[in-house]
Amino acid sequence: MNVEQRIRERAYEIWESKGRPEGQEFEHWSQARDEIEPYYKEGDATAGSIESSVAIPMPRSEGQG
């Protein structure tokens, strides 16, 4: 999927989540672009995704807690 298509899909998701308001296309597109483009500029569309940013829990040391 190319960046423009992903931005379009994200803008649509934003529009739907806000109750499908009219006249806010620019704001939704801009928000979607700001969310999506950084990942494509890094050269890896998955970089920075939720899956890649979840920290692996570290076991607690004895005596802590």
PDB file of N, CA and C in Angstrom:
ATOM      1  N   MET A   1       0.857  -1.179   0.000  1.00  0.00           N
ATOM      2  CA  MET A   1       0.000   0.000   0.000  1.00  0.00           C
ATOM      3  C   MET A   1       0.898   1.235   0.000  1.00  0.00           C
ATOM      4  N   ASN A   2       0.572   2.180  -0.862  1.00  0.00           N
ATOM      5  CA  ASN A   2       1.408   3.371  -0.915  1.00  0.00           C
ATOM      6  C   ASN A   2       0.961   4.396   0.131  1.00  0.00           C
ATOM      7  N   VAL A   3       1.784   5.392   0.351  1.00  0.00           N
ATOM      8  CA  VAL A   3       1.543   6.364   1.411  1.00  0.00           C
ATOM      9  C   VAL A   3       0.249   7.150   1.178  1.00  0.00           C
ATOM     10  N   GLU A   4      -0.028   7.546  -0.055  1.00  0.00           N
ATOM     11  CA  GLU A   4      -1.241   8.319  -0.320  1.00  0.00           C
ATOM     12  C   GLU A   4      -2.497   7.506  -0.013  1.00  0.00           C
ATOM     13  N   GLN A   5      -2.486   6.239  -0.373  1.00  0.00           N
ATOM     14  CA  GLN A   5      -3.636   5.380  -0.095  1.00  0.00           C
ATOM     15  C   GLN A   5      -3.819   5.203   1.412  1.00  0.00           C
ATOM     16  N   ARG A   6      -2.732   5.025   2.130  1.00  0.00           N
ATOM     17  CA  ARG A   6      -2.812   4.851   3.589  1.00  0.00           C
ATOM     18  C   ARG A   6      -3.326   6.127   4.257  1.00  0.00           C
ATOM     19  N   ILE A   7      -2.877   7.296   3.775  1.00  0.00           N
ATOM     20  CA  ILE A   7      -3.356   8.569   4.324  1.00  0.00           C
ATOM     21  C   ILE A   7      -4.851   8.705   4.065  1.00  0.00           C
ATOM     22  N   ARG A   8      -5.278   8.370   2.861  1.00  0.00           N
ATOM     23  CA  ARG A   8      -6.699   8.444   2.511  1.00  0.00           C
ATOM     24  C   ARG A   8      -7.535   7.564   3.443  1.00  0.00           C
ATOM     25  N   GLU A   9      -7.064   6.340   3.680  1.00  0.00           N
ATOM     26  CA  GLU A   9      -7.793   5.425   4.567  1.00  0.00           C
ATOM     27  C   GLU A   9      -7.835   5.956   5.995  1.00  0.00           C
ATOM     28  N   ARG A  10      -6.719   6.497   6.453  1.00  0.00           N
ATOM     29  CA  ARG A  10      -6.672   7.030   7.823  1.00  0.00           C
ATOM     30  C   ARG A  10      -7.568   8.252   7.959  1.00  0.00           C
ATOM     31  N   ALA A  11      -7.585   9.129   6.947  1.00  0.00           N
ATOM     32  CA  ALA A  11      -8.458  10.300   6.982  1.00  0.00           C
ATOM     33  C   ALA A  11      -9.923   9.864   7.061  1.00  0.00           C
ATOM     34  N   TYR A  12     -10.269   8.826   6.339  1.00  0.00           N
ATOM     35  CA  TYR A  12     -11.633   8.294   6.378  1.00  0.00           C
ATOM     36  C   TYR A  12     -11.955   7.764   7.772  1.00  0.00           C
ATOM     37  N   GLU A  13     -11.009   7.049   8.376  1.00  0.00           N
ATOM     38  CA  GLU A  13     -11.213   6.536   9.741  1.00  0.00           C
ATOM     39  C   GLU A  13     -11.447   7.678  10.728  1.00  0.00           C
ATOM     40  N   ILE A  14     -10.661   8.741  10.586  1.00  0.00           N
ATOM     41  CA  ILE A  14     -10.806   9.906  11.467  1.00  0.00           C
ATOM     42  C   ILE A  14     -12.183  10.525  11.273  1.00  0.00           C
ATOM     43  N   TRP A  15     -12.576  10.706  10.004  1.00  0.00           N
ATOM     44  CA  TRP A  15     -13.882  11.286   9.673  1.00  0.00           C
ATOM     45  C   TRP A  15     -15.009  10.467  10.289  1.00  0.00           C
ATOM     46  N   GLU A  16     -14.941   9.149  10.156  1.00  0.00           N
ATOM     47  CA  GLU A  16     -15.972   8.289  10.735  1.00  0.00           C
ATOM     48  C   GLU A  16     -15.984   8.379  12.257  1.00  0.00           C
ATOM     49  N   SER A  17     -14.799   8.391  12.871  1.00  0.00           N
ATOM     50  CA  SER A  17     -14.733   8.402  14.335  1.00  0.00           C
ATOM     51  C   SER A  17     -15.277   9.699  14.929  1.00  0.00           C
ATOM     52  N   LYS A  18     -15.292  10.758  14.122  1.00  0.00           N
ATOM     53  CA  LYS A  18     -15.801  12.053  14.600  1.00  0.00           C
ATOM     54  C   LYS A  18     -17.254  12.280  14.211  1.00  0.00           C
ATOM     55  N   GLY A  19     -17.922  11.215  13.754  1.00  0.00           N
ATOM     56  CA  GLY A  19     -19.340  11.328  13.444  1.00  0.00           C
ATOM     57  C   GLY A  19     -19.643  11.806  12.035  1.00  0.00           C
ATOM     58  N   ARG A  20     -18.683  11.688  11.133  1.00  0.00           N
ATOM     59  CA  ARG A  20     -18.840  12.062   9.721  1.00  0.00           C
ATOM     60  C   ARG A  20     -19.249  13.519   9.509  1.00  0.00           C
ATOM     61  N   PRO A  21     -18.563  14.446  10.149  1.00  0.00           N
ATOM     62  CA  PRO A  21     -18.924  15.862   9.976  1.00  0.00           C
ATOM     63  C   PRO A  21     -18.564  16.368   8.585  1.00  0.00           C
ATOM     64  N   GLU A  22     -19.325  17.321   8.098  1.00  0.00           N
ATOM     65  CA  GLU A  22     -19.045  17.928   6.799  1.00  0.00           C
ATOM     66  C   GLU A  22     -18.127  19.136   6.976  1.00  0.00           C
ATOM     67  N   GLY A  23     -17.305  19.409   5.968  1.00  0.00           N
ATOM     68  CA  GLY A  23     -16.486  20.608   5.960  1.00  0.00           C
ATOM     69  C   GLY A  23     -15.179  20.522   6.725  1.00  0.00           C
ATOM     70  N   GLN A  24     -14.769  19.322   7.169  1.00  0.00           N
ATOM     71  CA  GLN A  24     -13.523  19.191   7.916  1.00  0.00           C
ATOM     72  C   GLN A  24     -12.527  18.282   7.204  1.00  0.00           C
ATOM     73  N   GLU A  25     -12.704  18.156   5.890  1.00  0.00           N
ATOM     74  CA  GLU A  25     -11.843  17.267   5.112  1.00  0.00           C
ATOM     75  C   GLU A  25     -10.368  17.626   5.255  1.00  0.00           C
ATOM     76  N   PHE A  26     -10.064  18.920   5.185  1.00  0.00           N
ATOM     77  CA  PHE A  26      -8.677  19.357   5.277  1.00  0.00           C
ATOM     78  C   PHE A  26      -8.065  18.961   6.620  1.00  0.00           C
ATOM     79  N   GLU A  27      -8.809  19.168   7.700  1.00  0.00           N
ATOM     80  CA  GLU A  27      -8.298  18.839   9.030  1.00  0.00           C
ATOM     81  C   GLU A  27      -8.051  17.339   9.159  1.00  0.00           C
ATOM     82  N   HIS A  28      -8.973  16.537   8.654  1.00  0.00           N
ATOM     83  CA  HIS A  28      -8.824  15.082   8.759  1.00  0.00           C
ATOM     84  C   HIS A  28      -7.656  14.591   7.903  1.00  0.00           C
ATOM     85  N   TRP A  29      -7.536  15.137   6.692  1.00  0.00           N
ATOM     86  CA  TRP A  29      -6.441  14.755   5.805  1.00  0.00           C
ATOM     87  C   TRP A  29      -5.100  15.161   6.418  1.00  0.00           C
ATOM     88  N   SER A  30      -5.050  16.358   6.966  1.00  0.00           N
ATOM     89  CA  SER A  30      -3.823  16.854   7.570  1.00  0.00           C
ATOM     90  C   SER A  30      -3.410  15.998   8.772  1.00  0.00           C
ATOM     91  N   GLN A  31      -4.373  15.649   9.617  1.00  0.00           N
ATOM     92  CA  GLN A  31      -4.085  14.795  10.773  1.00  0.00           C
ATOM     93  C   GLN A  31      -3.586  13.436  10.315  1.00  0.00           C
ATOM     94  N   ALA A  32      -4.252  12.868   9.325  1.00  0.00           N
ATOM     95  CA  ALA A  32      -3.854  11.558   8.814  1.00  0.00           C
ATOM     96  C   ALA A  32      -2.445  11.618   8.227  1.00  0.00           C
ATOM     97  N   ARG A  33      -2.145  12.667   7.457  1.00  0.00           N
ATOM     98  CA  ARG A  33      -0.821  12.819   6.855  1.00  0.00           C
ATOM     99  C   ARG A  33       0.248  12.924   7.940  1.00  0.00           C
ATOM    100  N   ASP A  34      -0.039  13.707   8.990  1.00  0.00           N
ATOM    101  CA  ASP A  34       0.924  13.865  10.080  1.00  0.00           C
ATOM    102  C   ASP A  34       1.176  12.553  10.815  1.00  0.00           C
ATOM    103  N   GLU A  35       0.160  11.698  10.889  1.00  0.00           N
ATOM    104  CA  GLU A  35       0.311  10.407  11.565  1.00  0.00           C
ATOM    105  C   GLU A  35       1.052   9.390  10.703  1.00  0.00           C
ATOM    106  N   ILE A  36       0.801   9.399   9.394  1.00  0.00           N
ATOM    107  CA  ILE A  36       1.287   8.346   8.506  1.00  0.00           C
ATOM    108  C   ILE A  36       2.645   8.638   7.878  1.00  0.00           C
ATOM    109  N   GLU A  37       2.856   9.845   7.375  1.00  0.00           N
ATOM    110  CA  GLU A  37       4.082  10.145   6.617  1.00  0.00           C
ATOM    111  C   GLU A  37       5.381   9.846   7.353  1.00  0.00           C
ATOM    112  N   PRO A  38       5.494  10.124   8.640  1.00  0.00           N
ATOM    113  CA  PRO A  38       6.787   9.839   9.306  1.00  0.00           C
ATOM    114  C   PRO A  38       7.232   8.390   9.170  1.00  0.00           C
ATOM    115  N   TYR A  39       6.296   7.458   9.146  1.00  0.00           N
ATOM    116  CA  TYR A  39       6.653   6.044   9.037  1.00  0.00           C
ATOM    117  C   TYR A  39       7.176   5.704   7.656  1.00  0.00           C
ATOM    118  N   TYR A  40       6.638   6.351   6.642  1.00  0.00           N
ATOM    119  CA  TYR A  40       7.096   6.101   5.285  1.00  0.00           C
ATOM    120  C   TYR A  40       8.415   6.808   5.006  1.00  0.00           C
ATOM    121  N   LYS A  41       8.661   7.926   5.651  1.00  0.00           N
ATOM    122  CA  LYS A  41       9.923   8.641   5.458  1.00  0.00           C
ATOM    123  C   LYS A  41      11.095   7.875   6.043  1.00  0.00           C
ATOM    124  N   GLU A  42      10.821   7.048   7.032  1.00  0.00           N
ATOM    125  CA  GLU A  42      11.873   6.240   7.641  1.00  0.00           C
ATOM    126  C   GLU A  42      12.285   5.094   6.733  1.00  0.00           C
ATOM    127  N   GLY A  43      11.497   4.839   5.681  1.00  0.00           N
ATOM    128  CA  GLY A  43      11.819   3.758   4.761  1.00  0.00           C
ATOM    129  C   GLY A  43      11.203   2.436   5.141  1.00  0.00           C
ATOM    130  N   ASP A  44      10.460   2.409   6.229  1.00  0.00           N
ATOM    131  CA  ASP A  44       9.813   1.180   6.673  1.00  0.00           C
ATOM    132  C   ASP A  44       8.432   1.534   7.181  1.00  0.00           C
ATOM    133  N   ALA A  45       7.412   1.087   6.499  1.00  0.00           N
ATOM    134  CA  ALA A  45       6.040   1.434   6.853  1.00  0.00           C
ATOM    135  C   ALA A  45       5.635   0.875   8.208  1.00  0.00           C
ATOM    136  N   THR A  46       6.350  -0.105   8.733  1.00  0.00           N
ATOM    137  CA  THR A  46       5.982  -0.660  10.028  1.00  0.00           C
ATOM    138  C   THR A  46       6.737   0.002  11.175  1.00  0.00           C
ATOM    139  N   ALA A  47       7.764   0.769  10.866  1.00  0.00           N
ATOM    140  CA  ALA A  47       8.533   1.430  11.920  1.00  0.00           C
ATOM    141  C   ALA A  47       7.633   2.391  12.676  1.00  0.00           C
ATOM    142  N   GLY A  48       7.633   2.303  13.976  1.00  0.00           N
ATOM    143  CA  GLY A  48       6.836   3.196  14.786  1.00  0.00           C
ATOM    144  C   GLY A  48       5.397   2.751  14.954  1.00  0.00           C
ATOM    145  N   SER A  49       5.044   1.611  14.412  1.00  0.00           N
ATOM    146  CA  SER A  49       3.682   1.130  14.574  1.00  0.00           C
ATOM    147  C   SER A  49       3.466   0.716  16.017  1.00  0.00           C
ATOM    148  N   ILE A  50       2.228   0.532  16.373  1.00  0.00           N
ATOM    149  CA  ILE A  50       1.922   0.121  17.746  1.00  0.00           C
ATOM    150  C   ILE A  50       2.655  -1.167  18.072  1.00  0.00           C
ATOM    151  N   GLU A  51       2.649  -2.103  17.139  1.00  0.00           N
ATOM    152  CA  GLU A  51       3.299  -3.378  17.389  1.00  0.00           C
ATOM    153  C   GLU A  51       4.785  -3.225  17.660  1.00  0.00           C
ATOM    154  N   SER A  52       5.442  -2.303  16.962  1.00  0.00           N
ATOM    155  CA  SER A  52       6.880  -2.152  17.135  1.00  0.00           C
ATOM    156  C   SER A  52       7.246  -1.278  18.316  1.00  0.00           C
ATOM    157  N   SER A  53       6.255  -0.581  18.904  1.00  0.00           N
ATOM    158  CA  SER A  53       6.578   0.322  19.997  1.00  0.00           C
ATOM    159  C   SER A  53       6.191  -0.228  21.367  1.00  0.00           C
ATOM    160  N   VAL A  54       5.607  -1.407  21.403  1.00  0.00           N
ATOM    161  CA  VAL A  54       5.214  -2.001  22.678  1.00  0.00           C
ATOM    162  C   VAL A  54       6.463  -2.514  23.376  1.00  0.00           C
ATOM    163  N   ALA A  55       6.636  -2.066  24.591  1.00  0.00           N
ATOM    164  CA  ALA A  55       7.808  -2.477  25.360  1.00  0.00           C
ATOM    165  C   ALA A  55       7.629  -3.895  25.887  1.00  0.00           C
ATOM    166  N   ILE A  56       8.703  -4.628  25.922  1.00  0.00           N
ATOM    167  CA  ILE A  56       8.681  -5.955  26.498  1.00  0.00           C
ATOM    168  C   ILE A  56       8.790  -5.815  28.001  1.00  0.00           C
ATOM    169  N   PRO A  57       7.830  -6.361  28.749  1.00  0.00           N
ATOM    170  CA  PRO A  57       7.884  -6.214  30.205  1.00  0.00           C
ATOM    171  C   PRO A  57       9.123  -6.885  30.790  1.00  0.00           C
ATOM    172  N   MET A  58       9.734  -6.190  31.701  1.00  0.00           N
ATOM    173  CA  MET A  58      10.920  -6.734  32.374  1.00  0.00           C
ATOM    174  C   MET A  58      10.490  -7.357  33.693  1.00  0.00           C
ATOM    175  N   PRO A  59      11.078  -8.501  34.024  1.00  0.00           N
ATOM    176  CA  PRO A  59      10.716  -9.122  35.300  1.00  0.00           C
ATOM    177  C   PRO A  59      11.156  -8.236  36.473  1.00  0.00           C
ATOM    178  N   ARG A  60      10.356  -8.290  37.494  1.00  0.00           N
ATOM    179  CA  ARG A  60      10.689  -7.513  38.686  1.00  0.00           C
ATOM    180  C   ARG A  60      11.816  -8.179  39.452  1.00  0.00           C
ATOM    181  N   SER A  61      12.694  -7.369  39.974  1.00  0.00           N
ATOM    182  CA  SER A  61      13.760  -7.900  40.836  1.00  0.00           C
ATOM    183  C   SER A  61      13.160  -8.181  42.196  1.00  0.00           C
ATOM    184  N   GLU A  62      13.692  -9.192  42.858  1.00  0.00           N
ATOM    185  CA  GLU A  62      13.208  -9.489  44.200  1.00  0.00           C
ATOM    186  C   GLU A  62      13.490  -8.310  45.107  1.00  0.00           C
ATOM    187  N   GLY A  63      12.542  -8.031  45.970  1.00  0.00           N
ATOM    188  CA  GLY A  63      12.702  -6.916  46.876  1.00  0.00           C
ATOM    189  C   GLY A  63      12.058  -5.635  46.377  1.00  0.00           C
ATOM    190  N   GLN A  64      11.610  -5.624  45.134  1.00  0.00           N
ATOM    191  CA  GLN A  64      10.913  -4.447  44.602  1.00  0.00           C
ATOM    192  C   GLN A  64       9.435  -4.723  44.592  1.00  0.00           C
ATOM    193  N   GLY A  65       8.634  -3.692  44.776  1.00  0.00           N
ATOM    194  CA  GLY A  65       7.227  -3.900  44.587  1.00  0.00           C
ATOM    195  C   GLY A  65       6.431  -3.478  45.711  1.00  0.00           C
TER     196      GLY A  65
END
